[in-house]
Amino acid sequence: MDETLRRYDEEIATCKDLFVQKTADYGTSWRILRPASLTDQLFIKAKRIRNIQELGEQKIGDSVRQEFQGIVNYSVMALIQLSEPPKDRFDLTPGTACSLYDEQTLEARRLMVDKNHDYGEVWRDMRLSSLVDIILTKIFRIKQIEDNSGKTLASEGVAANYQDILNYAVFSLVKLSESEN
């Protein structure tokens, strides 16, 4: 588990660095997006990864690694939107955005530790394609909950699914890094 925590933290740090750079370029323009729009952004990224896996080729430059990083960051943005919905102002200072990023990734990390305790590190034995399918399943669950105005009868809510998507994307990044070495 120590190795998983180290690798998890490295991948989150890389994703956060990208988030910080894009915040410097664009500010927090993503704050205008409603959670459903962020869910659709997650869908686009995950669907592209699946298409690349199925076709065995890609025609634009963004790598599968970059798409998983995008999934991590869009998941964090969605979690921030749920916990800090925009009211009159859509912008956040870069420092506030980074603090909120850290809060959300720390909470997702705690969840990952708890689940890895109960399940073992079974994700390490899974295929990358299965991780993508699980991410897509979680996205479709969120879309259904959103279409039901957030109401569920027996299911965990939207935030838990975003956290799971974030964690499966980090697991995918770890697996990609390990296969490259």
N, C-alpha and C. Protein backbone atom coordinates (compact mmCIF):
# COMPACT_ATOMS: atom_id res chain seq x y z
N MET A 1 0.82 -1.20 0.00
CA MET A 1 0.00 0.00 0.00
C MET A 1 0.86 1.27 0.00
N ASP A 2 2.03 1.21 0.62
CA ASP A 2 2.90 2.38 0.64
C ASP A 2 3.28 2.81 -0.77
N GLU A 3 3.57 1.83 -1.64
CA GLU A 3 3.91 2.15 -3.03
C GLU A 3 2.71 2.77 -3.73
N THR A 4 1.53 2.25 -3.49
CA THR A 4 0.32 2.81 -4.10
C THR A 4 0.13 4.26 -3.66
N LEU A 5 0.29 4.52 -2.38
CA LEU A 5 0.12 5.90 -1.89
C LEU A 5 1.15 6.83 -2.53
N ARG A 6 2.38 6.36 -2.65
CA ARG A 6 3.43 7.19 -3.27
C ARG A 6 3.07 7.49 -4.72
N ARG A 7 2.68 6.45 -5.45
CA ARG A 7 2.34 6.63 -6.87
C ARG A 7 1.08 7.48 -7.04
N TYR A 8 0.10 7.24 -6.18
CA TYR A 8 -1.14 8.01 -6.21
C TYR A 8 -0.81 9.50 -6.02
N ASP A 9 -0.02 9.80 -5.01
CA ASP A 9 0.34 11.19 -4.73
C ASP A 9 1.12 11.83 -5.87
N GLU A 10 2.00 11.05 -6.51
CA GLU A 10 2.75 11.58 -7.67
C GLU A 10 1.80 11.94 -8.81
N GLU A 11 0.85 11.05 -9.09
CA GLU A 11 -0.07 11.32 -10.20
C GLU A 11 -0.98 12.50 -9.88
N ILE A 12 -1.45 12.60 -8.64
CA ILE A 12 -2.27 13.75 -8.25
C ILE A 12 -1.45 15.04 -8.38
N ALA A 13 -0.19 15.01 -7.97
CA ALA A 13 0.67 16.20 -8.07
C ALA A 13 0.83 16.63 -9.53
N THR A 14 0.98 15.66 -10.44
CA THR A 14 1.10 15.98 -11.86
C THR A 14 -0.20 16.60 -12.39
N CYS A 15 -1.32 16.02 -11.98
CA CYS A 15 -2.62 16.57 -12.40
C CYS A 15 -2.84 17.96 -11.83
N LYS A 16 -2.45 18.16 -10.58
CA LYS A 16 -2.62 19.48 -9.96
C LYS A 16 -1.74 20.50 -10.67
N ASP A 17 -0.52 20.11 -11.04
CA ASP A 17 0.36 21.04 -11.75
C ASP A 17 -0.30 21.51 -13.04
N LEU A 18 -0.92 20.59 -13.76
CA LEU A 18 -1.65 20.96 -14.98
C LEU A 18 -2.82 21.89 -14.65
N PHE A 19 -3.55 21.58 -13.59
CA PHE A 19 -4.66 22.42 -13.14
C PHE A 19 -4.17 23.84 -12.83
N VAL A 20 -3.05 23.95 -12.13
CA VAL A 20 -2.48 25.25 -11.78
C VAL A 20 -2.09 26.02 -13.04
N GLN A 21 -1.44 25.34 -13.99
CA GLN A 21 -1.04 25.99 -15.24
C GLN A 21 -2.25 26.49 -16.02
N LYS A 22 -3.28 25.65 -16.10
CA LYS A 22 -4.48 26.06 -16.84
C LYS A 22 -5.22 27.16 -16.10
N THR A 23 -5.17 27.16 -14.77
CA THR A 23 -5.77 28.25 -14.01
C THR A 23 -5.03 29.55 -14.29
N ALA A 24 -3.72 29.49 -14.44
CA ALA A 24 -2.94 30.69 -14.79
C ALA A 24 -3.34 31.18 -16.18
N ASP A 25 -3.59 30.25 -17.11
CA ASP A 25 -3.96 30.63 -18.47
C ASP A 25 -5.40 31.13 -18.58
N TYR A 26 -6.34 30.41 -17.94
CA TYR A 26 -7.76 30.65 -18.16
C TYR A 26 -8.52 31.17 -16.95
N GLY A 27 -7.85 31.27 -15.81
CA GLY A 27 -8.57 31.58 -14.59
C GLY A 27 -9.46 30.40 -14.22
N THR A 28 -10.53 30.65 -13.55
CA THR A 28 -11.46 29.57 -13.18
C THR A 28 -12.71 29.66 -14.05
N SER A 29 -12.50 29.80 -15.34
CA SER A 29 -13.62 29.89 -16.29
C SER A 29 -14.52 28.67 -16.22
N TRP A 30 -14.00 27.54 -15.77
CA TRP A 30 -14.79 26.31 -15.64
C TRP A 30 -15.91 26.47 -14.62
N ARG A 31 -15.83 27.49 -13.78
CA ARG A 31 -16.87 27.69 -12.77
C ARG A 31 -18.23 28.00 -13.39
N ILE A 32 -18.26 28.41 -14.65
CA ILE A 32 -19.53 28.66 -15.33
C ILE A 32 -20.26 27.35 -15.64
N LEU A 33 -19.52 26.24 -15.67
CA LEU A 33 -20.11 24.95 -16.04
C LEU A 33 -20.97 24.39 -14.91
N ARG A 34 -22.14 23.96 -15.28
CA ARG A 34 -22.99 23.25 -14.32
C ARG A 34 -22.46 21.84 -14.16
N PRO A 35 -22.78 21.18 -13.05
CA PRO A 35 -22.28 19.81 -12.86
C PRO A 35 -22.59 18.89 -14.05
N ALA A 36 -23.76 19.02 -14.64
CA ALA A 36 -24.10 18.16 -15.79
C ALA A 36 -23.15 18.40 -16.96
N SER A 37 -22.71 19.63 -17.15
CA SER A 37 -21.75 19.92 -18.22
C SER A 37 -20.40 19.30 -17.93
N LEU A 38 -20.01 19.30 -16.66
CA LEU A 38 -18.76 18.64 -16.28
C LEU A 38 -18.87 17.13 -16.46
N THR A 39 -20.03 16.58 -16.16
CA THR A 39 -20.25 15.15 -16.41
C THR A 39 -20.09 14.85 -17.89
N ASP A 40 -20.62 15.71 -18.74
CA ASP A 40 -20.47 15.51 -20.19
C ASP A 40 -19.01 15.62 -20.62
N GLN A 41 -18.24 16.52 -20.00
CA GLN A 41 -16.82 16.61 -20.31
C GLN A 41 -16.10 15.32 -19.93
N LEU A 42 -16.47 14.77 -18.78
CA LEU A 42 -15.90 13.48 -18.37
C LEU A 42 -16.25 12.40 -19.38
N PHE A 43 -17.49 12.40 -19.84
CA PHE A 43 -17.94 11.42 -20.83
C PHE A 43 -17.10 11.53 -22.11
N ILE A 44 -16.89 12.74 -22.58
CA ILE A 44 -16.11 12.95 -23.81
C ILE A 44 -14.71 12.35 -23.65
N LYS A 45 -14.06 12.64 -22.53
CA LYS A 45 -12.70 12.15 -22.31
C LYS A 45 -12.66 10.62 -22.23
N ALA A 46 -13.57 10.04 -21.43
CA ALA A 46 -13.58 8.58 -21.27
C ALA A 46 -13.95 7.88 -22.57
N LYS A 47 -14.89 8.44 -23.30
CA LYS A 47 -15.31 7.84 -24.57
C LYS A 47 -14.17 7.89 -25.58
N ARG A 48 -13.40 8.97 -25.58
CA ARG A 48 -12.25 9.06 -26.49
C ARG A 48 -11.22 7.97 -26.15
N ILE A 49 -10.95 7.79 -24.86
CA ILE A 49 -9.99 6.75 -24.47
C ILE A 49 -10.49 5.39 -24.94
N ARG A 50 -11.76 5.11 -24.74
CA ARG A 50 -12.32 3.82 -25.17
C ARG A 50 -12.21 3.67 -26.69
N ASN A 51 -12.51 4.73 -27.43
CA ASN A 51 -12.40 4.67 -28.89
C ASN A 51 -10.97 4.36 -29.31
N ILE A 52 -10.01 5.01 -28.68
CA ILE A 52 -8.60 4.75 -29.01
C ILE A 52 -8.24 3.30 -28.69
N GLN A 53 -8.71 2.81 -27.55
CA GLN A 53 -8.45 1.41 -27.19
C GLN A 53 -9.06 0.46 -28.22
N GLU A 54 -10.25 0.74 -28.68
CA GLU A 54 -10.94 -0.15 -29.62
C GLU A 54 -10.38 -0.04 -31.03
N LEU A 55 -10.04 1.18 -31.45
CA LEU A 55 -9.53 1.38 -32.81
C LEU A 55 -8.05 1.09 -32.93
N GLY A 56 -7.32 1.23 -31.82
CA GLY A 56 -5.89 0.99 -31.84
C GLY A 56 -5.09 2.12 -32.45
N GLU A 57 -5.73 3.25 -32.67
CA GLU A 57 -5.03 4.41 -33.22
C GLU A 57 -5.74 5.68 -32.81
N GLN A 58 -5.02 6.78 -32.95
CA GLN A 58 -5.61 8.08 -32.68
C GLN A 58 -5.12 9.06 -33.73
N LYS A 59 -5.92 10.10 -33.97
CA LYS A 59 -5.56 11.06 -35.01
C LYS A 59 -5.24 12.44 -34.47
N ILE A 60 -5.50 12.70 -33.20
CA ILE A 60 -5.10 13.98 -32.63
C ILE A 60 -4.07 13.73 -31.54
N GLY A 61 -3.34 14.77 -31.20
CA GLY A 61 -2.15 14.62 -30.38
C GLY A 61 -2.34 14.30 -28.91
N ASP A 62 -3.46 14.69 -28.31
CA ASP A 62 -3.61 14.46 -26.87
C ASP A 62 -3.51 12.97 -26.58
N SER A 63 -2.60 12.62 -25.69
CA SER A 63 -2.37 11.21 -25.37
C SER A 63 -3.45 10.68 -24.44
N VAL A 64 -3.51 9.36 -24.34
CA VAL A 64 -4.42 8.72 -23.39
C VAL A 64 -4.08 9.19 -21.98
N ARG A 65 -2.81 9.31 -21.67
CA ARG A 65 -2.38 9.82 -20.36
C ARG A 65 -2.99 11.20 -20.11
N GLN A 66 -2.92 12.08 -21.09
CA GLN A 66 -3.48 13.42 -20.92
C GLN A 66 -5.00 13.37 -20.72
N GLU A 67 -5.65 12.43 -21.38
CA GLU A 67 -7.10 12.31 -21.21
C GLU A 67 -7.44 11.84 -19.79
N PHE A 68 -6.66 10.89 -19.25
CA PHE A 68 -6.89 10.47 -17.86
C PHE A 68 -6.62 11.64 -16.89
N GLN A 69 -5.60 12.43 -17.18
CA GLN A 69 -5.35 13.62 -16.34
C GLN A 69 -6.54 14.57 -16.42
N GLY A 70 -7.10 14.72 -17.60
CA GLY A 70 -8.29 15.55 -17.75
C GLY A 70 -9.46 15.00 -16.95
N ILE A 71 -9.60 13.68 -16.93
CA ILE A 71 -10.67 13.06 -16.13
C ILE A 71 -10.47 13.37 -14.65
N VAL A 72 -9.24 13.27 -14.17
CA VAL A 72 -8.97 13.61 -12.77
C VAL A 72 -9.38 15.06 -12.52
N ASN A 73 -8.92 15.97 -13.37
CA ASN A 73 -9.16 17.39 -13.12
C ASN A 73 -10.63 17.78 -13.29
N TYR A 74 -11.32 17.22 -14.27
CA TYR A 74 -12.74 17.51 -14.40
C TYR A 74 -13.53 16.93 -13.22
N SER A 75 -13.09 15.79 -12.70
CA SER A 75 -13.74 15.23 -11.52
C SER A 75 -13.58 16.17 -10.32
N VAL A 76 -12.38 16.70 -10.15
CA VAL A 76 -12.14 17.64 -9.06
C VAL A 76 -13.00 18.89 -9.25
N MET A 77 -13.05 19.40 -10.47
CA MET A 77 -13.88 20.58 -10.74
C MET A 77 -15.34 20.31 -10.39
N ALA A 78 -15.83 19.14 -10.77
CA ALA A 78 -17.21 18.79 -10.47
C ALA A 78 -17.44 18.71 -8.97
N LEU A 79 -16.51 18.11 -8.25
CA LEU A 79 -16.63 18.04 -6.79
C LEU A 79 -16.60 19.42 -6.16
N ILE A 80 -15.76 20.30 -6.69
CA ILE A 80 -15.74 21.69 -6.20
C ILE A 80 -17.08 22.36 -6.47
N GLN A 81 -17.61 22.17 -7.67
CA GLN A 81 -18.90 22.79 -8.00
C GLN A 81 -20.00 22.31 -7.07
N LEU A 82 -19.96 21.03 -6.70
CA LEU A 82 -20.97 20.51 -5.77
C LEU A 82 -20.81 21.08 -4.37
N SER A 83 -19.56 21.22 -3.94
CA SER A 83 -19.31 21.68 -2.56
C SER A 83 -19.33 23.20 -2.44
N GLU A 84 -18.99 23.89 -3.49
CA GLU A 84 -18.93 25.36 -3.50
C GLU A 84 -19.66 25.90 -4.73
N PRO A 85 -20.98 25.73 -4.79
CA PRO A 85 -21.68 26.18 -6.00
C PRO A 85 -21.51 27.68 -6.21
N PRO A 86 -21.30 28.08 -7.47
CA PRO A 86 -21.17 29.51 -7.74
C PRO A 86 -22.47 30.23 -7.38
N LYS A 87 -22.32 31.37 -6.79
CA LYS A 87 -23.51 32.16 -6.44
C LYS A 87 -23.58 33.35 -7.40
N ASP A 88 -23.12 34.49 -6.97
CA ASP A 88 -23.15 35.66 -7.83
C ASP A 88 -21.90 35.77 -8.70
N ARG A 89 -20.78 35.22 -8.19
CA ARG A 89 -19.51 35.31 -8.90
C ARG A 89 -19.03 33.93 -9.27
N PHE A 90 -18.50 33.82 -10.46
CA PHE A 90 -18.05 32.53 -10.94
C PHE A 90 -16.54 32.32 -10.75
N ASP A 91 -15.82 33.41 -10.49
CA ASP A 91 -14.37 33.27 -10.41
C ASP A 91 -13.92 32.96 -8.98
N LEU A 92 -12.81 32.27 -8.91
CA LEU A 92 -12.12 32.00 -7.65
C LEU A 92 -10.70 32.52 -7.82
N THR A 93 -10.08 32.91 -6.73
CA THR A 93 -8.66 33.25 -6.83
C THR A 93 -7.90 31.96 -7.10
N PRO A 94 -6.74 32.05 -7.72
CA PRO A 94 -5.95 30.83 -7.93
C PRO A 94 -5.65 30.10 -6.62
N GLY A 95 -5.36 30.84 -5.56
CA GLY A 95 -5.08 30.22 -4.26
C GLY A 95 -6.28 29.46 -3.72
N THR A 96 -7.46 30.06 -3.84
CA THR A 96 -8.67 29.39 -3.37
C THR A 96 -8.94 28.14 -4.21
N ALA A 97 -8.78 28.27 -5.53
CA ALA A 97 -9.00 27.11 -6.41
C ALA A 97 -8.06 25.97 -6.04
N CYS A 98 -6.80 26.29 -5.76
CA CYS A 98 -5.82 25.26 -5.39
C CYS A 98 -6.15 24.64 -4.04
N SER A 99 -6.60 25.45 -3.10
CA SER A 99 -6.99 24.91 -1.79
C SER A 99 -8.17 23.96 -1.92
N LEU A 100 -9.15 24.35 -2.72
CA LEU A 100 -10.31 23.49 -2.94
C LEU A 100 -9.90 22.21 -3.67
N TYR A 101 -8.97 22.32 -4.62
CA TYR A 101 -8.44 21.15 -5.32
C TYR A 101 -7.83 20.18 -4.30
N ASP A 102 -7.01 20.72 -3.41
CA ASP A 102 -6.37 19.88 -2.39
C ASP A 102 -7.40 19.21 -1.48
N GLU A 103 -8.42 19.95 -1.08
CA GLU A 103 -9.46 19.37 -0.22
C GLU A 103 -10.14 18.19 -0.91
N GLN A 104 -10.48 18.37 -2.16
CA GLN A 104 -11.21 17.32 -2.88
C GLN A 104 -10.33 16.10 -3.15
N THR A 105 -9.08 16.33 -3.51
CA THR A 105 -8.20 15.18 -3.78
C THR A 105 -7.83 14.46 -2.49
N LEU A 106 -7.72 15.19 -1.40
CA LEU A 106 -7.45 14.54 -0.11
C LEU A 106 -8.62 13.65 0.30
N GLU A 107 -9.84 14.13 0.10
CA GLU A 107 -11.02 13.33 0.44
C GLU A 107 -11.10 12.10 -0.47
N ALA A 108 -10.81 12.25 -1.74
CA ALA A 108 -10.81 11.10 -2.66
C ALA A 108 -9.71 10.11 -2.27
N ARG A 109 -8.58 10.61 -1.84
CA ARG A 109 -7.48 9.74 -1.40
C ARG A 109 -7.90 8.94 -0.17
N ARG A 110 -8.57 9.58 0.77
CA ARG A 110 -9.06 8.87 1.96
C ARG A 110 -10.00 7.74 1.56
N LEU A 111 -10.89 8.03 0.63
CA LEU A 111 -11.82 7.01 0.15
C LEU A 111 -11.05 5.86 -0.50
N MET A 112 -10.05 6.19 -1.30
CA MET A 112 -9.24 5.16 -1.96
C MET A 112 -8.55 4.27 -0.93
N VAL A 113 -8.00 4.86 0.11
CA VAL A 113 -7.33 4.08 1.16
C VAL A 113 -8.32 3.12 1.80
N ASP A 114 -9.50 3.61 2.14
CA ASP A 114 -10.52 2.77 2.77
C ASP A 114 -10.95 1.63 1.85
N LYS A 115 -11.17 1.95 0.58
CA LYS A 115 -11.61 0.91 -0.36
C LYS A 115 -10.49 -0.09 -0.63
N ASN A 116 -9.26 0.39 -0.74
CA ASN A 116 -8.14 -0.54 -0.94
C ASN A 116 -7.98 -1.46 0.26
N HIS A 117 -8.27 -0.97 1.44
CA HIS A 117 -8.23 -1.83 2.64
C HIS A 117 -9.23 -2.96 2.50
N ASP A 118 -10.45 -2.63 2.11
CA ASP A 118 -11.52 -3.63 2.03
C ASP A 118 -11.39 -4.55 0.82
N TYR A 119 -10.99 -4.01 -0.32
CA TYR A 119 -10.93 -4.79 -1.55
C TYR A 119 -9.54 -5.34 -1.85
N GLY A 120 -8.55 -4.90 -1.09
CA GLY A 120 -7.19 -5.19 -1.50
C GLY A 120 -6.90 -4.28 -2.69
N GLU A 121 -5.80 -4.44 -3.30
CA GLU A 121 -5.48 -3.61 -4.45
C GLU A 121 -5.86 -4.34 -5.74
N VAL A 122 -7.10 -4.77 -5.79
CA VAL A 122 -7.58 -5.56 -6.91
C VAL A 122 -7.46 -4.80 -8.24
N TRP A 123 -7.51 -3.49 -8.19
CA TRP A 123 -7.39 -2.69 -9.41
C TRP A 123 -6.07 -2.96 -10.13
N ARG A 124 -5.05 -3.35 -9.38
CA ARG A 124 -3.75 -3.64 -10.01
C ARG A 124 -3.82 -4.85 -10.95
N ASP A 125 -4.77 -5.75 -10.71
CA ASP A 125 -4.93 -6.93 -11.55
C ASP A 125 -5.95 -6.73 -12.67
N MET A 126 -6.52 -5.56 -12.74
CA MET A 126 -7.52 -5.27 -13.77
C MET A 126 -6.86 -4.76 -15.04
N ARG A 127 -7.55 -4.95 -16.12
CA ARG A 127 -7.11 -4.40 -17.41
C ARG A 127 -7.44 -2.91 -17.45
N LEU A 128 -6.62 -2.15 -18.16
CA LEU A 128 -6.88 -0.73 -18.33
C LEU A 128 -8.24 -0.51 -19.00
N SER A 129 -8.58 -1.37 -19.93
CA SER A 129 -9.88 -1.24 -20.61
C SER A 129 -11.04 -1.40 -19.63
N SER A 130 -10.88 -2.27 -18.64
CA SER A 130 -11.93 -2.44 -17.62
C SER A 130 -12.06 -1.20 -16.75
N LEU A 131 -10.94 -0.57 -16.43
CA LEU A 131 -11.00 0.66 -15.64
C LEU A 131 -11.75 1.75 -16.42
N VAL A 132 -11.51 1.82 -17.72
CA VAL A 132 -12.23 2.79 -18.56
C VAL A 132 -13.72 2.47 -18.57
N ASP A 133 -14.06 1.20 -18.69
CA ASP A 133 -15.48 0.81 -18.69
C ASP A 133 -16.15 1.17 -17.37
N ILE A 134 -15.43 0.99 -16.26
CA ILE A 134 -15.99 1.35 -14.95
C ILE A 134 -16.19 2.86 -14.87
N ILE A 135 -15.22 3.63 -15.36
CA ILE A 135 -15.37 5.08 -15.39
C ILE A 135 -16.61 5.47 -16.19
N LEU A 136 -16.77 4.87 -17.35
CA LEU A 136 -17.96 5.16 -18.17
C LEU A 136 -19.24 4.78 -17.45
N THR A 137 -19.24 3.64 -16.77
CA THR A 137 -20.42 3.22 -16.01
C THR A 137 -20.75 4.26 -14.94
N LYS A 138 -19.75 4.73 -14.23
CA LYS A 138 -19.96 5.76 -13.19
C LYS A 138 -20.52 7.04 -13.81
N ILE A 139 -20.02 7.40 -14.98
CA ILE A 139 -20.52 8.60 -15.67
C ILE A 139 -22.00 8.42 -16.03
N PHE A 140 -22.36 7.26 -16.56
CA PHE A 140 -23.77 7.02 -16.89
C PHE A 140 -24.65 7.03 -15.64
N ARG A 141 -24.13 6.54 -14.54
CA ARG A 141 -24.88 6.61 -13.28
C ARG A 141 -25.13 8.06 -12.87
N ILE A 142 -24.08 8.88 -12.97
CA ILE A 142 -24.23 10.29 -12.64
C ILE A 142 -25.26 10.94 -13.55
N LYS A 143 -25.16 10.66 -14.84
CA LYS A 143 -26.12 11.26 -15.79
C LYS A 143 -27.55 10.88 -15.42
N GLN A 144 -27.77 9.64 -15.02
CA GLN A 144 -29.11 9.20 -14.63
C GLN A 144 -29.58 9.93 -13.38
N ILE A 145 -28.69 10.06 -12.40
CA ILE A 145 -29.04 10.78 -11.18
C ILE A 145 -29.34 12.24 -11.50
N GLU A 146 -28.52 12.85 -12.35
CA GLU A 146 -28.77 14.24 -12.75
C GLU A 146 -30.11 14.36 -13.47
N ASP A 147 -30.41 13.41 -14.34
CA ASP A 147 -31.70 13.44 -15.06
C ASP A 147 -32.88 13.23 -14.11
N ASN A 148 -32.62 12.62 -12.95
CA ASN A 148 -33.66 12.44 -11.93
C ASN A 148 -33.62 13.56 -10.88
N SER A 149 -33.05 14.69 -11.25
CA SER A 149 -32.95 15.86 -10.36
C SER A 149 -32.23 15.54 -9.05
N GLY A 150 -31.28 14.62 -9.12
CA GLY A 150 -30.47 14.30 -7.95
C GLY A 150 -31.08 13.30 -6.99
N LYS A 151 -32.26 12.83 -7.31
CA LYS A 151 -32.95 11.90 -6.41
C LYS A 151 -32.49 10.47 -6.66
N THR A 152 -32.22 9.75 -5.56
CA THR A 152 -31.90 8.33 -5.64
C THR A 152 -32.72 7.59 -4.60
N LEU A 153 -32.94 6.32 -4.86
CA LEU A 153 -33.68 5.48 -3.91
C LEU A 153 -32.74 4.67 -3.04
N ALA A 154 -31.72 4.11 -3.64
CA ALA A 154 -30.84 3.22 -2.88
C ALA A 154 -29.37 3.40 -3.24
N SER A 155 -29.06 4.42 -3.98
CA SER A 155 -27.71 4.57 -4.52
C SER A 155 -26.95 5.68 -3.82
N GLU A 156 -25.62 5.56 -3.91
CA GLU A 156 -24.78 6.66 -3.43
C GLU A 156 -25.01 7.85 -4.36
N GLY A 157 -24.68 9.01 -3.89
CA GLY A 157 -24.95 10.21 -4.67
C GLY A 157 -23.91 10.50 -5.72
N VAL A 158 -24.07 11.65 -6.32
CA VAL A 158 -23.21 12.09 -7.42
C VAL A 158 -21.76 12.26 -6.95
N ALA A 159 -21.56 12.88 -5.81
CA ALA A 159 -20.19 13.16 -5.34
C ALA A 159 -19.39 11.87 -5.19
N ALA A 160 -19.99 10.83 -4.64
CA ALA A 160 -19.28 9.55 -4.47
C ALA A 160 -18.87 8.98 -5.82
N ASN A 161 -19.70 9.15 -6.82
CA ASN A 161 -19.35 8.66 -8.16
C ASN A 161 -18.22 9.47 -8.77
N TYR A 162 -18.24 10.80 -8.58
CA TYR A 162 -17.12 11.62 -9.06
C TYR A 162 -15.82 11.21 -8.37
N GLN A 163 -15.87 10.93 -7.07
CA GLN A 163 -14.68 10.49 -6.36
C GLN A 163 -14.18 9.16 -6.91
N ASP A 164 -15.09 8.24 -7.18
CA ASP A 164 -14.68 6.96 -7.76
C ASP A 164 -14.05 7.15 -9.13
N ILE A 165 -14.63 8.02 -9.95
CA ILE A 165 -14.06 8.29 -11.28
C ILE A 165 -12.65 8.85 -11.13
N LEU A 166 -12.49 9.80 -10.24
CA LEU A 166 -11.17 10.37 -9.98
C LEU A 166 -10.18 9.26 -9.61
N ASN A 167 -10.57 8.40 -8.68
CA ASN A 167 -9.66 7.35 -8.24
C ASN A 167 -9.36 6.33 -9.33
N TYR A 168 -10.35 5.94 -10.11
CA TYR A 168 -10.09 5.01 -11.21
C TYR A 168 -9.18 5.65 -12.26
N ALA A 169 -9.32 6.95 -12.47
CA ALA A 169 -8.43 7.63 -13.42
C ALA A 169 -7.00 7.65 -12.88
N VAL A 170 -6.84 7.88 -11.58
CA VAL A 170 -5.49 7.85 -11.00
C VAL A 170 -4.91 6.44 -11.09
N PHE A 171 -5.71 5.43 -10.80
CA PHE A 171 -5.24 4.05 -10.95
C PHE A 171 -4.78 3.80 -12.38
N SER A 172 -5.52 4.33 -13.35
CA SER A 172 -5.15 4.16 -14.76
C SER A 172 -3.82 4.85 -15.05
N LEU A 173 -3.63 6.03 -14.49
CA LEU A 173 -2.36 6.73 -14.68
C LEU A 173 -1.20 5.95 -14.07
N VAL A 174 -1.43 5.38 -12.89
CA VAL A 174 -0.40 4.55 -12.25
C VAL A 174 -0.08 3.35 -13.14
N LYS A 175 -1.10 2.68 -13.62
CA LYS A 175 -0.88 1.51 -14.50
C LYS A 175 -0.14 1.91 -15.76
N LEU A 176 -0.49 3.04 -16.36
CA LEU A 176 0.21 3.50 -17.56
C LEU A 176 1.68 3.76 -17.24
N SER A 177 1.95 4.43 -16.11
CA SER A 177 3.34 4.71 -15.73
C SER A 177 4.12 3.43 -15.51
N GLU A 178 3.51 2.48 -14.84
CA GLU A 178 4.20 1.22 -14.57
C GLU A 178 4.45 0.42 -15.83
N SER A 179 3.56 0.52 -16.81
CA SER A 179 3.77 -0.21 -18.07
C SER A 179 4.83 0.44 -18.92
N GLU A 180 5.07 1.73 -18.71
CA GLU A 180 6.10 2.45 -19.46
C GLU A 180 7.49 2.16 -18.92
N ASN A 181 7.57 1.72 -17.68
CA ASN A 181 8.88 1.46 -17.05
C ASN A 181 9.32 0.03 -17.22
